Protein backbone atom coordinates (compact mmCIF):
# COMPACT_ATOMS: atom_id res chain seq x y z
CA PHE A 1 134.06 144.44 129.72
CA GLY A 2 133.83 143.83 133.35
CA TYR A 3 130.82 145.94 134.08
CA ILE A 4 128.74 144.29 131.44
CA LYS A 5 129.66 140.84 132.69
CA LEU A 6 128.88 142.09 136.25
CA ALA A 7 125.44 143.18 135.20
CA VAL A 8 124.50 139.90 133.45
CA ALA A 9 125.89 137.82 136.49
CA LEU A 10 123.88 139.96 138.89
CA LYS A 11 120.71 139.59 136.84
CA GLU A 12 120.87 135.86 136.34
CA ASN A 13 121.81 135.07 139.96
CA THR A 14 119.65 137.42 141.88
CA TYR A 15 116.98 136.55 144.46
CA ASN A 16 116.19 140.20 145.17
CA GLN A 17 114.10 142.48 143.03
CA THR A 18 116.15 145.49 143.85
CA LYS A 19 119.43 143.97 142.76
CA GLU A 20 117.72 142.75 139.41
CA THR A 21 116.61 146.22 138.79
CA LEU A 22 120.04 147.49 139.41
CA ALA A 23 121.49 144.98 136.99
CA ILE A 24 119.07 145.92 134.28
CA TYR A 25 119.53 149.67 134.85
CA LEU A 26 123.39 149.06 134.56
CA VAL A 27 122.92 147.16 131.18
CA LEU A 28 120.80 150.00 129.93
CA ILE A 29 123.29 152.54 130.84
CA ILE A 30 126.10 150.65 129.23
CA GLU A 31 123.99 150.22 125.98
CA LYS A 32 123.13 153.92 125.91
CA GLN A 33 126.73 154.86 126.06
CA THR A 34 128.23 152.16 123.87
CA SER A 35 125.96 151.17 120.94
CA GLN A 36 128.11 148.10 120.12
CA PHE A 37 126.77 146.16 123.15
CA THR A 38 123.25 145.39 122.08
CA ASN A 39 123.19 141.42 122.00
CA HIS A 40 122.01 140.29 125.25
CA ALA A 41 122.02 136.62 124.21
CA ALA A 42 125.75 136.92 123.59
CA MET A 43 126.37 138.70 126.90
CA LYS A 44 124.41 135.99 128.74
CA THR A 45 126.65 133.21 127.48
CA GLU A 46 129.52 134.77 129.56
CA SER A 47 130.23 133.00 132.79
CA TYR A 48 131.13 135.31 135.56
CA GLN A 49 131.19 134.38 139.21
CA LEU A 50 131.34 137.14 141.89
CA THR A 51 130.35 137.28 145.45
CA TYR A 52 127.76 139.85 146.50
CA GLN A 53 130.44 141.88 148.24
CA GLN A 54 132.51 142.05 145.07
CA MET A 55 129.26 143.10 143.05
CA THR A 56 128.74 145.88 145.51
CA LEU A 57 132.47 146.99 145.27
CA GLN A 58 131.98 147.08 141.43
CA PHE A 59 128.82 149.08 141.66
CA SER A 60 130.47 151.66 143.87
CA TYR A 61 132.79 152.77 141.00
CA ILE A 62 130.07 153.36 138.45
CA ASP A 63 129.06 156.99 137.77
CA ILE A 64 125.37 156.93 136.44
CA GLY A 65 125.29 160.81 136.47
């Protein structure tokens, strides 16, 4: 569930509107593809620390096509 945790961490720690939009978009993509992940409150309880560089690397592996 690395991508889901990444999205939540990015959304909650963002100071940039573009990064926040990417996080929301990523969560929506995951929810569209896997209907079992719909409880945002539960996902937000996950603690996940990443640097911005690590977030960028993770995003680069996601195919949103």
